[in-house]
Amino acid sequence: MIPDPEPAPPPPRADRLIGLFLFGAVAFNPPLLRVFGVEVMVLGWPFLALYVFTVWAGLIALLAVQIERPDATKRRPPRSE
């Protein structure tokens, strides 16, 4: 009888997505937001708003890159001509 193969470990993509989630949770944590809530204007924008929108856009961009990246374990079949 053939023993059952061990389950494959989760792909590294899952680890990266969990890391991005944790980064977002820390970046938008109220104590950290208070650090950036100073009365400083940058190009006419409050520093807190600039921080929030920059981190938000960065997270969206990193998630898009990570989700759209082809998985290394799934290889395309060779093209036949």
Protein backbone atom coordinates (compact mmCIF):
# COMPACT_ATOMS: atom_id res chain seq x y z
CA MET A 1 0.00 0.00 0.00
CA ILE A 2 1.29 3.45 -0.91
CA PRO A 3 1.45 5.89 2.02
CA ASP A 4 -0.37 9.19 1.66
CA PRO A 5 1.97 11.98 0.59
CA GLU A 6 2.56 14.78 3.06
CA PRO A 7 0.50 17.89 2.36
CA ALA A 8 2.41 20.56 0.52
CA PRO A 9 3.36 23.66 2.49
CA PRO A 10 1.41 26.81 1.64
CA PRO A 11 2.92 28.80 -1.19
CA PRO A 12 5.11 31.78 -0.30
CA ARG A 13 2.40 34.04 -1.71
CA ALA A 14 0.22 33.36 1.33
CA ASP A 15 3.06 34.39 3.65
CA ARG A 16 3.55 37.64 1.76
CA LEU A 17 -0.16 38.45 1.84
CA ILE A 18 -0.25 37.83 5.58
CA GLY A 19 2.78 40.09 5.95
CA LEU A 20 1.10 42.85 3.95
CA PHE A 21 -2.01 42.55 6.09
CA LEU A 22 0.04 42.86 9.27
CA PHE A 23 1.93 45.85 7.85
CA GLY A 24 -1.39 47.54 7.09
CA ALA A 25 -2.72 46.77 10.56
CA VAL A 26 0.35 48.34 12.15
CA ALA A 27 0.50 51.30 9.73
CA PHE A 28 -3.12 52.28 10.49
CA ASN A 29 -2.91 51.62 14.23
CA PRO A 30 -4.21 54.66 16.16
CA PRO A 31 -1.04 55.16 18.27
CA LEU A 32 1.04 55.36 15.10
CA LEU A 33 -1.50 57.67 13.47
CA ARG A 34 -1.17 60.02 16.44
CA VAL A 35 2.55 60.31 15.69
CA PHE A 36 1.71 61.63 12.22
CA GLY A 37 -1.18 63.80 13.43
CA VAL A 38 1.00 66.88 13.86
CA GLU A 39 -0.01 70.36 12.70
CA VAL A 40 2.32 70.32 9.69
CA MET A 41 1.25 71.03 6.12
CA VAL A 42 3.08 69.45 3.18
CA LEU A 43 2.20 71.01 -0.17
CA GLY A 44 -1.02 72.29 1.36
CA TRP A 45 -2.03 68.88 2.73
CA PRO A 46 -2.10 67.94 6.41
CA PHE A 47 0.71 65.50 7.15
CA LEU A 48 -1.68 62.87 8.55
CA ALA A 49 -3.79 62.83 5.38
CA LEU A 50 -0.67 62.58 3.24
CA TYR A 51 0.60 59.66 5.36
CA VAL A 52 -2.72 57.79 5.24
CA PHE A 53 -3.23 58.15 1.49
CA THR A 54 0.40 57.30 0.69
CA VAL A 55 0.41 54.14 2.81
CA TRP A 56 -3.02 53.17 1.49
CA ALA A 57 -1.92 53.56 -2.14
CA GLY A 58 1.30 51.68 -1.39
CA LEU A 59 -0.59 48.77 0.13
CA ILE A 60 -2.95 48.60 -2.84
CA ALA A 61 0.00 48.63 -5.25
CA LEU A 62 1.90 45.93 -3.34
CA LEU A 63 -1.22 43.75 -3.12
CA ALA A 64 -1.86 44.14 -6.85
CA VAL A 65 1.71 43.15 -7.68
CA GLN A 66 1.60 40.19 -5.32
CA ILE A 67 -1.77 38.88 -6.48
CA GLU A 68 -1.04 39.29 -10.19
CA ARG A 69 2.41 37.67 -10.01
CA PRO A 70 2.35 34.19 -11.55
CA ASP A 71 2.87 31.44 -9.02
CA ALA A 72 6.23 29.69 -9.28
CA THR A 73 4.65 26.29 -8.60
CA LYS A 74 2.24 26.60 -11.53
CA ARG A 75 4.25 26.38 -14.71
CA ARG A 76 2.75 26.96 -18.10
CA PRO A 77 2.82 24.04 -20.49
CA PRO A 78 5.29 24.47 -23.35
CA ARG A 79 3.91 26.13 -26.46
CA SER A 80 3.58 23.87 -29.43
CA GLU A 81 4.04 25.48 -32.79
